[in-house]
Amino acid sequence: MAEYHLTGPLTDSDVEKLNVGDMVYISGEVFTCRSRLQKYIFDEKNTLPFSTEDRNILIHNGPIVIKENDKWKLVSFMPTSSIRFEKWGAKSVDEWNLKMIVGKTTMGQQTAEMMKQKKCVHVSPRSVSPNLWIDSIEVQDVHLYDELGRIEAAWFFKVHELGPFIVDIDTKGNNLFDLLDEKIANNKEQALRDLGIEPDFEFTKLY
């Protein structure tokens, strides 16, 4: 397992060297997205009002941001579960030319295949720590605030050493959670053999 400190915008070579299980810290300019933004763009056929060419790191997140002394202030930040957005995952990677998606859990096979094709990775936070990262994040701007609301709008952040995140989908098509599932299944089979328990046993039913 290697550790990398990456600065966006990311290049193909930045993400191609990452393997599942590697640790990543992120710096640079990023933007946020939840389901409403993807529905607004991909399903309702609206145009994304900004370029992702120099901002190719997407964080699945609905931050809590307030206005204080005419400036935006980040109150709470935590990536949300990416698998909920699998419907739009491949499209977002393809059409927004993403190189990294940050979110809890992982994403599905269609998104993983597009990530392999377009050289993109998915990374997941190592812990649930919403207020520990605030000092690493600067609010730059917000788009589609009136159309989508505060939580679902696209927020522009500048981040510094944000992390750690673990690579769970790499550009080779590997998925850390699938590999862990296989390992757990194999360990379970071995444990049952060691204990002399038949693999087709059933738990005692109390009711």
N, C-alpha and C. Protein backbone atom coordinates (compact mmCIF):
# COMPACT_ATOMS: atom_id res chain seq x y z
N MET A 1 0.84 -1.19 0.00
CA MET A 1 0.00 0.00 0.00
C MET A 1 0.88 1.24 0.00
N ALA A 2 0.68 2.12 -0.97
CA ALA A 2 1.46 3.35 -1.10
C ALA A 2 0.63 4.55 -0.67
N GLU A 3 1.32 5.65 -0.42
CA GLU A 3 0.64 6.90 -0.05
C GLU A 3 1.02 7.98 -1.05
N TYR A 4 0.00 8.73 -1.52
CA TYR A 4 0.23 9.77 -2.52
C TYR A 4 -0.40 11.08 -2.06
N HIS A 5 0.26 12.18 -2.40
CA HIS A 5 -0.25 13.52 -2.16
C HIS A 5 -0.40 14.17 -3.54
N LEU A 6 -1.66 14.31 -3.99
CA LEU A 6 -1.94 14.74 -5.36
C LEU A 6 -2.55 16.14 -5.37
N THR A 7 -2.25 16.88 -6.43
CA THR A 7 -2.78 18.22 -6.60
C THR A 7 -3.50 18.32 -7.93
N GLY A 8 -4.76 18.75 -7.89
CA GLY A 8 -5.55 18.90 -9.11
C GLY A 8 -5.22 20.19 -9.83
N PRO A 9 -5.55 20.27 -11.14
CA PRO A 9 -6.24 19.21 -11.89
C PRO A 9 -5.33 18.00 -12.11
N LEU A 10 -5.94 16.83 -12.02
CA LEU A 10 -5.19 15.59 -12.13
C LEU A 10 -4.99 15.20 -13.58
N THR A 11 -3.91 14.48 -13.84
CA THR A 11 -3.60 13.97 -15.18
C THR A 11 -3.78 12.46 -15.21
N ASP A 12 -3.74 11.89 -16.41
CA ASP A 12 -3.81 10.43 -16.53
C ASP A 12 -2.70 9.77 -15.72
N SER A 13 -1.49 10.32 -15.81
CA SER A 13 -0.36 9.69 -15.11
C SER A 13 -0.53 9.77 -13.59
N ASP A 14 -1.21 10.82 -13.11
CA ASP A 14 -1.46 10.92 -11.67
C ASP A 14 -2.28 9.74 -11.17
N VAL A 15 -3.32 9.39 -11.91
CA VAL A 15 -4.25 8.37 -11.43
C VAL A 15 -3.88 6.96 -11.88
N GLU A 16 -3.14 6.84 -12.97
CA GLU A 16 -2.77 5.50 -13.45
C GLU A 16 -1.84 4.78 -12.48
N LYS A 17 -1.09 5.53 -11.68
CA LYS A 17 -0.16 4.90 -10.74
C LYS A 17 -0.86 4.42 -9.46
N LEU A 18 -2.13 4.80 -9.29
CA LEU A 18 -2.86 4.42 -8.07
C LEU A 18 -3.40 3.00 -8.18
N ASN A 19 -3.31 2.27 -7.09
CA ASN A 19 -3.88 0.92 -7.00
C ASN A 19 -4.84 0.86 -5.83
N VAL A 20 -5.81 -0.05 -5.91
CA VAL A 20 -6.76 -0.19 -4.81
C VAL A 20 -5.99 -0.46 -3.52
N GLY A 21 -6.42 0.22 -2.46
CA GLY A 21 -5.74 0.10 -1.17
C GLY A 21 -4.76 1.20 -0.90
N ASP A 22 -4.35 1.95 -1.93
CA ASP A 22 -3.43 3.07 -1.73
C ASP A 22 -4.12 4.20 -0.97
N MET A 23 -3.33 4.99 -0.25
CA MET A 23 -3.85 6.13 0.48
C MET A 23 -3.58 7.41 -0.30
N VAL A 24 -4.56 8.33 -0.29
CA VAL A 24 -4.45 9.56 -1.09
C VAL A 24 -4.84 10.76 -0.25
N TYR A 25 -4.07 11.84 -0.40
CA TYR A 25 -4.41 13.17 0.12
C TYR A 25 -4.55 14.10 -1.08
N ILE A 26 -5.56 14.98 -1.04
CA ILE A 26 -5.91 15.79 -2.21
C ILE A 26 -5.71 17.28 -1.91
N SER A 27 -5.10 17.97 -2.87
CA SER A 27 -5.02 19.44 -2.84
C SER A 27 -5.49 19.96 -4.19
N GLY A 28 -5.89 21.24 -4.22
CA GLY A 28 -6.32 21.85 -5.46
C GLY A 28 -7.80 22.19 -5.47
N GLU A 29 -8.30 22.46 -6.66
CA GLU A 29 -9.68 22.91 -6.82
C GLU A 29 -10.60 21.75 -7.16
N VAL A 30 -11.72 21.65 -6.44
CA VAL A 30 -12.67 20.55 -6.60
C VAL A 30 -14.07 21.14 -6.67
N PHE A 31 -15.05 20.30 -7.03
CA PHE A 31 -16.45 20.73 -6.95
C PHE A 31 -17.30 19.61 -6.38
N THR A 32 -18.46 20.00 -5.85
CA THR A 32 -19.34 19.03 -5.20
C THR A 32 -20.56 18.73 -6.07
N CYS A 33 -21.18 17.61 -5.76
CA CYS A 33 -22.33 17.17 -6.54
C CYS A 33 -23.13 16.16 -5.74
N ARG A 34 -24.46 16.27 -5.83
CA ARG A 34 -25.36 15.26 -5.31
C ARG A 34 -26.34 14.87 -6.42
N SER A 35 -27.39 14.16 -6.07
CA SER A 35 -28.30 13.63 -7.09
C SER A 35 -29.02 14.71 -7.88
N ARG A 36 -29.39 15.80 -7.23
CA ARG A 36 -30.19 16.82 -7.92
C ARG A 36 -29.41 17.47 -9.07
N LEU A 37 -28.14 17.72 -8.87
CA LEU A 37 -27.33 18.31 -9.94
C LEU A 37 -27.24 17.37 -11.13
N GLN A 38 -27.02 16.08 -10.87
CA GLN A 38 -26.90 15.12 -11.97
C GLN A 38 -28.22 14.95 -12.71
N LYS A 39 -29.31 14.94 -11.96
CA LYS A 39 -30.62 14.87 -12.60
C LYS A 39 -30.88 16.11 -13.45
N TYR A 40 -30.51 17.28 -12.92
CA TYR A 40 -30.69 18.56 -13.61
C TYR A 40 -29.92 18.58 -14.93
N ILE A 41 -28.73 18.04 -14.93
CA ILE A 41 -27.89 18.06 -16.13
C ILE A 41 -28.21 16.90 -17.07
N PHE A 42 -28.18 15.68 -16.57
CA PHE A 42 -28.27 14.50 -17.44
C PHE A 42 -29.71 14.11 -17.79
N ASP A 43 -30.63 14.25 -16.85
CA ASP A 43 -32.01 13.85 -17.13
C ASP A 43 -32.84 14.99 -17.70
N GLU A 44 -32.64 16.19 -17.15
CA GLU A 44 -33.44 17.33 -17.59
C GLU A 44 -32.76 18.14 -18.70
N LYS A 45 -31.57 17.69 -19.11
CA LYS A 45 -30.86 18.22 -20.29
C LYS A 45 -30.51 19.71 -20.17
N ASN A 46 -30.14 20.14 -18.97
CA ASN A 46 -29.62 21.49 -18.80
C ASN A 46 -28.10 21.47 -19.00
N THR A 47 -27.53 22.63 -19.22
CA THR A 47 -26.10 22.75 -19.47
C THR A 47 -25.37 23.05 -18.17
N LEU A 48 -24.28 22.35 -17.94
CA LEU A 48 -23.46 22.63 -16.77
C LEU A 48 -22.87 24.03 -16.93
N PRO A 49 -23.08 24.93 -15.96
CA PRO A 49 -22.70 26.33 -16.14
C PRO A 49 -21.23 26.64 -15.83
N PHE A 50 -20.40 25.63 -15.80
CA PHE A 50 -18.97 25.86 -15.57
C PHE A 50 -18.18 24.75 -16.24
N SER A 51 -16.89 25.01 -16.45
CA SER A 51 -16.01 24.04 -17.07
C SER A 51 -15.36 23.16 -16.01
N THR A 52 -15.20 21.89 -16.33
CA THR A 52 -14.51 20.97 -15.43
C THR A 52 -13.10 20.65 -15.93
N GLU A 53 -12.66 21.36 -16.94
CA GLU A 53 -11.35 21.06 -17.54
C GLU A 53 -10.23 21.20 -16.51
N ASP A 54 -10.28 22.26 -15.71
CA ASP A 54 -9.24 22.48 -14.70
C ASP A 54 -9.74 22.18 -13.29
N ARG A 55 -10.85 21.47 -13.20
CA ARG A 55 -11.45 21.13 -11.90
C ARG A 55 -12.06 19.74 -12.07
N ASN A 56 -11.18 18.72 -12.20
CA ASN A 56 -11.65 17.39 -12.58
C ASN A 56 -11.71 16.41 -11.40
N ILE A 57 -11.83 16.96 -10.19
CA ILE A 57 -12.06 16.14 -8.99
C ILE A 57 -13.46 16.46 -8.47
N LEU A 58 -14.31 15.45 -8.44
CA LEU A 58 -15.69 15.61 -7.98
C LEU A 58 -15.85 14.97 -6.61
N ILE A 59 -16.47 15.70 -5.69
CA ILE A 59 -16.76 15.14 -4.37
C ILE A 59 -18.28 14.99 -4.23
N HIS A 60 -18.74 13.78 -4.00
CA HIS A 60 -20.15 13.54 -3.71
C HIS A 60 -20.42 14.05 -2.30
N ASN A 61 -21.05 15.22 -2.23
CA ASN A 61 -21.15 15.88 -0.93
C ASN A 61 -22.22 16.97 -0.98
N GLY A 62 -22.95 17.12 0.12
CA GLY A 62 -23.86 18.24 0.30
C GLY A 62 -23.43 19.00 1.53
N PRO A 63 -22.52 19.95 1.38
CA PRO A 63 -21.94 20.62 2.54
C PRO A 63 -22.94 21.54 3.24
N ILE A 64 -22.69 21.80 4.50
CA ILE A 64 -23.44 22.81 5.24
C ILE A 64 -22.63 24.10 5.19
N VAL A 65 -23.16 25.10 4.47
CA VAL A 65 -22.45 26.36 4.28
C VAL A 65 -23.39 27.50 4.63
N ILE A 66 -22.89 28.47 5.38
CA ILE A 66 -23.69 29.63 5.76
C ILE A 66 -23.00 30.91 5.30
N LYS A 67 -23.78 31.99 5.22
CA LYS A 67 -23.22 33.29 4.87
C LYS A 67 -22.95 34.07 6.16
N GLU A 68 -21.71 34.51 6.32
CA GLU A 68 -21.32 35.24 7.53
C GLU A 68 -20.43 36.40 7.12
N ASN A 69 -20.88 37.64 7.42
CA ASN A 69 -20.14 38.85 7.03
C ASN A 69 -19.88 38.88 5.52
N ASP A 70 -20.93 38.52 4.77
CA ASP A 70 -20.89 38.53 3.30
C ASP A 70 -19.89 37.53 2.73
N LYS A 71 -19.51 36.54 3.53
CA LYS A 71 -18.62 35.50 3.03
C LYS A 71 -19.20 34.14 3.36
N TRP A 72 -18.97 33.16 2.48
CA TRP A 72 -19.42 31.81 2.74
C TRP A 72 -18.53 31.17 3.79
N LYS A 73 -19.17 30.49 4.74
CA LYS A 73 -18.44 29.80 5.80
C LYS A 73 -18.88 28.34 5.83
N LEU A 74 -17.92 27.44 5.71
CA LEU A 74 -18.20 26.01 5.76
C LEU A 74 -18.39 25.58 7.21
N VAL A 75 -19.53 24.97 7.49
CA VAL A 75 -19.87 24.55 8.85
C VAL A 75 -19.64 23.05 9.03
N SER A 76 -20.01 22.26 8.02
CA SER A 76 -19.85 20.81 8.12
C SER A 76 -19.64 20.23 6.73
N PHE A 77 -18.76 19.24 6.67
CA PHE A 77 -18.41 18.62 5.38
C PHE A 77 -18.14 17.14 5.60
N MET A 78 -18.80 16.31 4.81
CA MET A 78 -18.51 14.88 4.82
C MET A 78 -18.99 14.28 3.50
N PRO A 79 -18.13 13.61 2.75
CA PRO A 79 -18.60 12.95 1.52
C PRO A 79 -19.75 11.99 1.81
N THR A 80 -20.69 11.93 0.89
CA THR A 80 -21.84 11.03 1.04
C THR A 80 -21.61 9.77 0.21
N SER A 81 -22.55 8.84 0.29
CA SER A 81 -22.39 7.53 -0.35
C SER A 81 -22.52 7.63 -1.87
N SER A 82 -21.49 7.21 -2.58
CA SER A 82 -21.45 7.33 -4.04
C SER A 82 -22.36 6.34 -4.76
N ILE A 83 -22.58 5.17 -4.17
CA ILE A 83 -23.34 4.14 -4.88
C ILE A 83 -24.76 4.61 -5.19
N ARG A 84 -25.25 5.60 -4.45
CA ARG A 84 -26.59 6.14 -4.70
C ARG A 84 -26.68 6.84 -6.05
N PHE A 85 -25.52 7.22 -6.60
CA PHE A 85 -25.49 7.99 -7.84
C PHE A 85 -25.02 7.14 -9.02
N GLU A 86 -25.09 5.82 -8.88
CA GLU A 86 -24.61 4.94 -9.94
C GLU A 86 -25.33 5.19 -11.27
N LYS A 87 -26.58 5.59 -11.21
CA LYS A 87 -27.35 5.86 -12.44
C LYS A 87 -26.62 6.85 -13.34
N TRP A 88 -25.94 7.82 -12.75
CA TRP A 88 -25.27 8.86 -13.53
C TRP A 88 -23.74 8.75 -13.48
N GLY A 89 -23.23 7.73 -12.82
CA GLY A 89 -21.79 7.63 -12.61
C GLY A 89 -20.97 7.64 -13.88
N ALA A 90 -21.30 6.75 -14.81
CA ALA A 90 -20.53 6.65 -16.05
C ALA A 90 -20.63 7.93 -16.87
N LYS A 91 -21.82 8.52 -16.91
CA LYS A 91 -22.01 9.77 -17.66
C LYS A 91 -21.17 10.90 -17.07
N SER A 92 -21.15 11.01 -15.75
CA SER A 92 -20.40 12.09 -15.13
C SER A 92 -18.91 11.94 -15.40
N VAL A 93 -18.38 10.72 -15.34
CA VAL A 93 -16.97 10.48 -15.66
C VAL A 93 -16.68 10.85 -17.11
N ASP A 94 -17.56 10.42 -18.00
CA ASP A 94 -17.34 10.63 -19.43
C ASP A 94 -17.52 12.09 -19.84
N GLU A 95 -18.66 12.67 -19.52
CA GLU A 95 -18.99 14.01 -20.03
C GLU A 95 -18.29 15.13 -19.27
N TRP A 96 -17.94 14.88 -18.01
CA TRP A 96 -17.26 15.92 -17.23
C TRP A 96 -15.75 15.68 -17.19
N ASN A 97 -15.29 14.63 -17.87
CA ASN A 97 -13.85 14.32 -17.96
C ASN A 97 -13.19 14.25 -16.58
N LEU A 98 -13.85 13.54 -15.68
CA LEU A 98 -13.35 13.43 -14.31
C LEU A 98 -12.14 12.51 -14.23
N LYS A 99 -11.25 12.82 -13.28
CA LYS A 99 -10.11 11.95 -13.00
C LYS A 99 -10.22 11.32 -11.61
N MET A 100 -11.08 11.89 -10.76
CA MET A 100 -11.28 11.32 -9.43
C MET A 100 -12.66 11.68 -8.92
N ILE A 101 -13.33 10.69 -8.33
CA ILE A 101 -14.57 10.90 -7.59
C ILE A 101 -14.31 10.51 -6.14
N VAL A 102 -14.71 11.40 -5.24
CA VAL A 102 -14.56 11.16 -3.80
C VAL A 102 -15.94 10.91 -3.21
N GLY A 103 -16.09 9.82 -2.47
CA GLY A 103 -17.37 9.53 -1.85
C GLY A 103 -17.27 8.31 -0.96
N LYS A 104 -18.20 8.18 -0.03
CA LYS A 104 -18.23 6.99 0.80
C LYS A 104 -18.64 5.77 -0.03
N THR A 105 -18.34 4.60 0.49
CA THR A 105 -18.61 3.31 -0.16
C THR A 105 -17.90 3.26 -1.50
N THR A 106 -18.57 2.83 -2.55
CA THR A 106 -17.94 2.66 -3.85
C THR A 106 -18.97 2.93 -4.93
N MET A 107 -18.68 2.51 -6.18
CA MET A 107 -19.64 2.66 -7.26
C MET A 107 -19.77 1.33 -8.00
N GLY A 108 -20.72 1.26 -8.94
CA GLY A 108 -21.04 0.01 -9.60
C GLY A 108 -20.19 -0.29 -10.82
N GLN A 109 -20.56 -1.39 -11.51
CA GLN A 109 -19.75 -1.90 -12.60
C GLN A 109 -19.72 -0.95 -13.80
N GLN A 110 -20.85 -0.33 -14.14
CA GLN A 110 -20.85 0.58 -15.28
C GLN A 110 -19.89 1.74 -15.08
N THR A 111 -19.92 2.32 -13.89
CA THR A 111 -19.01 3.43 -13.60
C THR A 111 -17.57 2.95 -13.59
N ALA A 112 -17.31 1.78 -13.02
CA ALA A 112 -15.95 1.24 -12.97
C ALA A 112 -15.41 1.02 -14.39
N GLU A 113 -16.25 0.54 -15.28
CA GLU A 113 -15.82 0.31 -16.67
C GLU A 113 -15.48 1.63 -17.36
N MET A 114 -16.29 2.66 -17.10
CA MET A 114 -16.00 3.97 -17.69
C MET A 114 -14.73 4.56 -17.08
N MET A 115 -14.53 4.35 -15.79
CA MET A 115 -13.30 4.82 -15.15
C MET A 115 -12.07 4.17 -15.76
N LYS A 116 -12.17 2.91 -16.07
CA LYS A 116 -11.06 2.20 -16.71
C LYS A 116 -10.78 2.78 -18.09
N GLN A 117 -11.85 3.08 -18.81
CA GLN A 117 -11.72 3.61 -20.17
C GLN A 117 -11.18 5.04 -20.18
N LYS A 118 -11.64 5.87 -19.24
CA LYS A 118 -11.31 7.30 -19.24
C LYS A 118 -10.20 7.67 -18.26
N LYS A 119 -9.65 6.70 -17.56
CA LYS A 119 -8.58 6.93 -16.59
C LYS A 119 -9.08 7.82 -15.43
N CYS A 120 -9.88 7.21 -14.58
CA CYS A 120 -10.46 7.89 -13.42
C CYS A 120 -10.48 6.90 -12.26
N VAL A 121 -10.44 7.42 -11.03
CA VAL A 121 -10.48 6.55 -9.86
C VAL A 121 -11.58 7.02 -8.90
N HIS A 122 -11.97 6.12 -8.03
CA HIS A 122 -12.88 6.47 -6.93
C HIS A 122 -12.14 6.25 -5.63
N VAL A 123 -12.25 7.23 -4.72
CA VAL A 123 -11.62 7.11 -3.41
C VAL A 123 -12.66 7.33 -2.33
N SER A 124 -12.45 6.65 -1.20
CA SER A 124 -13.42 6.68 -0.10
C SER A 124 -12.73 7.12 1.18
N PRO A 125 -13.41 7.92 2.02
CA PRO A 125 -12.78 8.38 3.26
C PRO A 125 -12.50 7.22 4.20
N ARG A 126 -11.39 7.34 4.94
CA ARG A 126 -11.02 6.32 5.90
C ARG A 126 -11.86 6.38 7.15
N SER A 127 -12.52 7.50 7.40
CA SER A 127 -13.28 7.65 8.64
C SER A 127 -14.43 8.63 8.42
N VAL A 128 -15.35 8.64 9.35
CA VAL A 128 -16.43 9.63 9.34
C VAL A 128 -16.01 10.75 10.28
N SER A 129 -15.55 11.86 9.70
CA SER A 129 -14.98 12.94 10.52
C SER A 129 -15.36 14.29 9.93
N PRO A 130 -16.64 14.64 9.95
CA PRO A 130 -17.14 15.81 9.21
C PRO A 130 -16.52 17.13 9.58
N ASN A 131 -16.13 17.32 10.82
CA ASN A 131 -15.62 18.64 11.21
C ASN A 131 -14.10 18.69 11.33
N LEU A 132 -13.43 17.57 11.16
CA LEU A 132 -11.98 17.56 11.25
C LEU A 132 -11.32 18.11 9.99
N TRP A 133 -12.08 18.15 8.88
CA TRP A 133 -11.50 18.55 7.59
C TRP A 133 -11.77 20.01 7.24
N ILE A 134 -12.55 20.70 8.03
CA ILE A 134 -12.98 22.05 7.66
C ILE A 134 -11.80 22.99 7.43
N ASP A 135 -10.77 22.86 8.25
CA ASP A 135 -9.61 23.75 8.12
C ASP A 135 -8.82 23.48 6.83
N SER A 136 -9.11 22.36 6.18
CA SER A 136 -8.42 22.03 4.93
C SER A 136 -9.19 22.50 3.70
N ILE A 137 -10.33 23.17 3.91
CA ILE A 137 -11.23 23.51 2.80
C ILE A 137 -11.54 25.00 2.79
N GLU A 138 -11.38 25.61 1.63
CA GLU A 138 -11.74 27.01 1.42
C GLU A 138 -12.89 27.08 0.42
N VAL A 139 -13.97 27.76 0.78
CA VAL A 139 -15.11 27.92 -0.13
C VAL A 139 -14.75 29.01 -1.14
N GLN A 140 -14.82 28.66 -2.44
CA GLN A 140 -14.49 29.62 -3.49
C GLN A 140 -15.73 30.24 -4.14
N ASP A 141 -16.72 29.39 -4.45
CA ASP A 141 -17.88 29.87 -5.20
C ASP A 141 -18.98 28.82 -5.13
N VAL A 142 -20.14 29.16 -5.67
CA VAL A 142 -21.24 28.22 -5.74
C VAL A 142 -22.01 28.46 -7.04
N HIS A 143 -22.48 27.39 -7.67
CA HIS A 143 -23.24 27.47 -8.90
C HIS A 143 -24.58 26.76 -8.73
N LEU A 144 -25.60 27.28 -9.40
CA LEU A 144 -26.95 26.71 -9.39
C LEU A 144 -27.55 26.71 -7.98
N TYR A 145 -27.19 27.72 -7.21
CA TYR A 145 -27.71 27.84 -5.85
C TYR A 145 -29.22 28.07 -5.87
N ASP A 146 -29.69 29.00 -6.70
CA ASP A 146 -31.13 29.31 -6.76
C ASP A 146 -31.92 28.15 -7.35
N GLU A 147 -31.35 27.47 -8.34
CA GLU A 147 -32.06 26.39 -9.03
C GLU A 147 -32.16 25.11 -8.20
N LEU A 148 -31.10 24.80 -7.45
CA LEU A 148 -31.04 23.51 -6.78
C LEU A 148 -31.08 23.58 -5.25
N GLY A 149 -30.83 24.76 -4.69
CA GLY A 149 -30.81 24.89 -3.24
C GLY A 149 -29.42 24.73 -2.67
N ARG A 150 -29.30 25.08 -1.42
CA ARG A 150 -27.98 25.16 -0.79
C ARG A 150 -27.25 23.82 -0.75
N ILE A 151 -27.95 22.76 -0.39
CA ILE A 151 -27.31 21.45 -0.23
C ILE A 151 -26.96 20.82 -1.58
N GLU A 152 -27.85 20.95 -2.55
CA GLU A 152 -27.68 20.27 -3.83
C GLU A 152 -26.89 21.09 -4.86
N ALA A 153 -26.60 22.35 -4.57
CA ALA A 153 -25.85 23.19 -5.51
C ALA A 153 -24.44 22.65 -5.71
N ALA A 154 -23.79 23.13 -6.77
CA ALA A 154 -22.40 22.76 -7.03
C ALA A 154 -21.48 23.77 -6.35
N TRP A 155 -20.81 23.33 -5.32
CA TRP A 155 -19.90 24.20 -4.58
C TRP A 155 -18.48 24.03 -5.11
N PHE A 156 -17.78 25.15 -5.25
CA PHE A 156 -16.38 25.15 -5.62
C PHE A 156 -15.55 25.29 -4.34
N PHE A 157 -14.66 24.33 -4.11
CA PHE A 157 -13.77 24.37 -2.96
C PHE A 157 -12.32 24.34 -3.44
N LYS A 158 -11.46 24.95 -2.65
CA LYS A 158 -10.03 24.75 -2.79
C LYS A 158 -9.58 24.01 -1.54
N VAL A 159 -8.98 22.83 -1.74
CA VAL A 159 -8.63 21.97 -0.61
C VAL A 159 -7.12 21.85 -0.48
N HIS A 160 -6.68 21.59 0.73
CA HIS A 160 -5.25 21.42 1.00
C HIS A 160 -5.03 20.19 1.86
N GLU A 161 -4.37 19.21 1.27
CA GLU A 161 -4.06 17.96 1.98
C GLU A 161 -5.32 17.35 2.60
N LEU A 162 -6.39 17.33 1.83
CA LEU A 162 -7.65 16.74 2.30
C LEU A 162 -7.53 15.22 2.26
N GLY A 163 -7.85 14.58 3.37
CA GLY A 163 -7.75 13.13 3.43
C GLY A 163 -7.51 12.65 4.86
N PRO A 164 -7.15 11.38 5.04
CA PRO A 164 -6.80 10.43 3.97
C PRO A 164 -8.01 9.74 3.35
N PHE A 165 -7.83 9.39 2.06
CA PHE A 165 -8.81 8.60 1.33
C PHE A 165 -8.14 7.31 0.86
N ILE A 166 -8.95 6.26 0.72
CA ILE A 166 -8.42 5.00 0.22
C ILE A 166 -8.97 4.74 -1.18
N VAL A 167 -8.09 4.34 -2.09
CA VAL A 167 -8.50 4.05 -3.46
C VAL A 167 -9.30 2.76 -3.48
N ASP A 168 -10.57 2.84 -3.89
CA ASP A 168 -11.38 1.62 -3.92
C ASP A 168 -11.75 1.18 -5.34
N ILE A 169 -11.62 2.07 -6.33
CA ILE A 169 -11.70 1.67 -7.75
C ILE A 169 -10.51 2.31 -8.45
N ASP A 170 -9.67 1.50 -9.10
CA ASP A 170 -8.52 2.06 -9.81
C ASP A 170 -8.75 2.03 -11.32
N THR A 171 -7.78 2.54 -12.07
CA THR A 171 -7.93 2.66 -13.53
C THR A 171 -7.80 1.32 -14.23
N LYS A 172 -7.49 0.28 -13.49
CA LYS A 172 -7.36 -1.06 -14.07
C LYS A 172 -8.65 -1.86 -13.96
N GLY A 173 -9.66 -1.23 -13.31
CA GLY A 173 -10.95 -1.89 -13.16
C GLY A 173 -11.10 -2.69 -11.89
N ASN A 174 -10.11 -2.61 -10.99
CA ASN A 174 -10.19 -3.33 -9.72
C ASN A 174 -11.07 -2.58 -8.73
N ASN A 175 -11.79 -3.33 -7.91
CA ASN A 175 -12.65 -2.75 -6.87
C ASN A 175 -12.26 -3.36 -5.53
N LEU A 176 -11.83 -2.50 -4.61
CA LEU A 176 -11.34 -2.97 -3.31
C LEU A 176 -12.42 -3.74 -2.56
N PHE A 177 -13.65 -3.27 -2.63
CA PHE A 177 -14.73 -3.92 -1.89
C PHE A 177 -15.04 -5.30 -2.45
N ASP A 178 -14.94 -5.47 -3.77
CA ASP A 178 -15.12 -6.80 -4.37
C ASP A 178 -14.02 -7.75 -3.92
N LEU A 179 -12.78 -7.24 -3.89
CA LEU A 179 -11.66 -8.07 -3.44
C LEU A 179 -11.82 -8.47 -1.98
N LEU A 180 -12.31 -7.53 -1.15
CA LEU A 180 -12.54 -7.85 0.26
C LEU A 180 -13.65 -8.87 0.43
N ASP A 181 -14.71 -8.76 -0.39
CA ASP A 181 -15.80 -9.74 -0.33
C ASP A 181 -15.29 -11.14 -0.64
N GLU A 182 -14.42 -11.24 -1.64
CA GLU A 182 -13.85 -12.55 -2.00
C GLU A 182 -12.99 -13.11 -0.86
N LYS A 183 -12.19 -12.23 -0.27
CA LYS A 183 -11.32 -12.66 0.83
C LYS A 183 -12.14 -13.12 2.02
N ILE A 184 -13.20 -12.38 2.34
CA ILE A 184 -14.05 -12.75 3.47
C ILE A 184 -14.74 -14.08 3.22
N ALA A 185 -15.22 -14.27 1.98
CA ALA A 185 -15.88 -15.54 1.64
C ALA A 185 -14.93 -16.71 1.78
N ASN A 186 -13.68 -16.53 1.32
CA ASN A 186 -12.68 -17.60 1.44
C ASN A 186 -12.34 -17.86 2.91
N ASN A 187 -12.21 -16.80 3.69
CA ASN A 187 -11.91 -16.97 5.11
C ASN A 187 -13.05 -17.69 5.84
N LYS A 188 -14.28 -17.39 5.42
CA LYS A 188 -15.43 -18.05 6.04
C LYS A 188 -15.41 -19.54 5.75
N GLU A 189 -15.11 -19.90 4.50
CA GLU A 189 -15.06 -21.33 4.14
C GLU A 189 -14.00 -22.05 4.96
N GLN A 190 -12.84 -21.41 5.11
CA GLN A 190 -11.76 -22.02 5.88
C GLN A 190 -12.14 -22.15 7.35
N ALA A 191 -12.81 -21.13 7.89
CA ALA A 191 -13.23 -21.16 9.30
C ALA A 191 -14.23 -22.29 9.54
N LEU A 192 -15.16 -22.46 8.60
CA LEU A 192 -16.15 -23.55 8.75
C LEU A 192 -15.47 -24.91 8.71
N ARG A 193 -14.48 -25.07 7.81
CA ARG A 193 -13.76 -26.36 7.75
C ARG A 193 -13.00 -26.61 9.05
N ASP A 194 -12.33 -25.56 9.56
CA ASP A 194 -11.56 -25.72 10.80
C ASP A 194 -12.45 -26.10 11.98
N LEU A 195 -13.68 -25.60 11.98
CA LEU A 195 -14.61 -25.87 13.08
C LEU A 195 -15.44 -27.13 12.85
N GLY A 196 -15.28 -27.75 11.68
CA GLY A 196 -16.03 -28.95 11.38
C GLY A 196 -17.51 -28.68 11.13
N ILE A 197 -17.82 -27.50 10.63
CA ILE A 197 -19.22 -27.13 10.37
C ILE A 197 -19.50 -27.27 8.89
N GLU A 198 -20.61 -27.92 8.56
CA GLU A 198 -20.98 -28.09 7.15
C GLU A 198 -21.28 -26.72 6.53
N PRO A 199 -20.87 -26.50 5.28
CA PRO A 199 -21.07 -25.19 4.65
C PRO A 199 -22.53 -24.82 4.43
N ASP A 200 -23.43 -25.80 4.43
CA ASP A 200 -24.85 -25.51 4.20
C ASP A 200 -25.65 -25.45 5.51
N PHE A 201 -24.95 -25.27 6.65
CA PHE A 201 -25.66 -25.23 7.93
C PHE A 201 -26.58 -24.01 7.98
N GLU A 202 -27.61 -24.11 8.84
CA GLU A 202 -28.52 -22.99 9.03
C GLU A 202 -28.52 -22.60 10.50
N PHE A 203 -28.69 -21.29 10.75
CA PHE A 203 -28.75 -20.82 12.12
C PHE A 203 -30.04 -21.33 12.79
N THR A 204 -29.99 -21.47 14.12
CA THR A 204 -31.15 -21.91 14.88
C THR A 204 -32.27 -20.87 14.76
N LYS A 205 -33.45 -21.34 14.44
CA LYS A 205 -34.60 -20.44 14.33
C LYS A 205 -35.35 -20.44 15.66
N LEU A 206 -35.46 -19.27 16.26
CA LEU A 206 -36.11 -19.14 17.56
C LEU A 206 -37.63 -19.01 17.44
N TYR A 207 -38.09 -18.56 16.26
CA TYR A 207 -39.54 -18.34 16.11
C TYR A 207 -40.01 -18.99 14.83
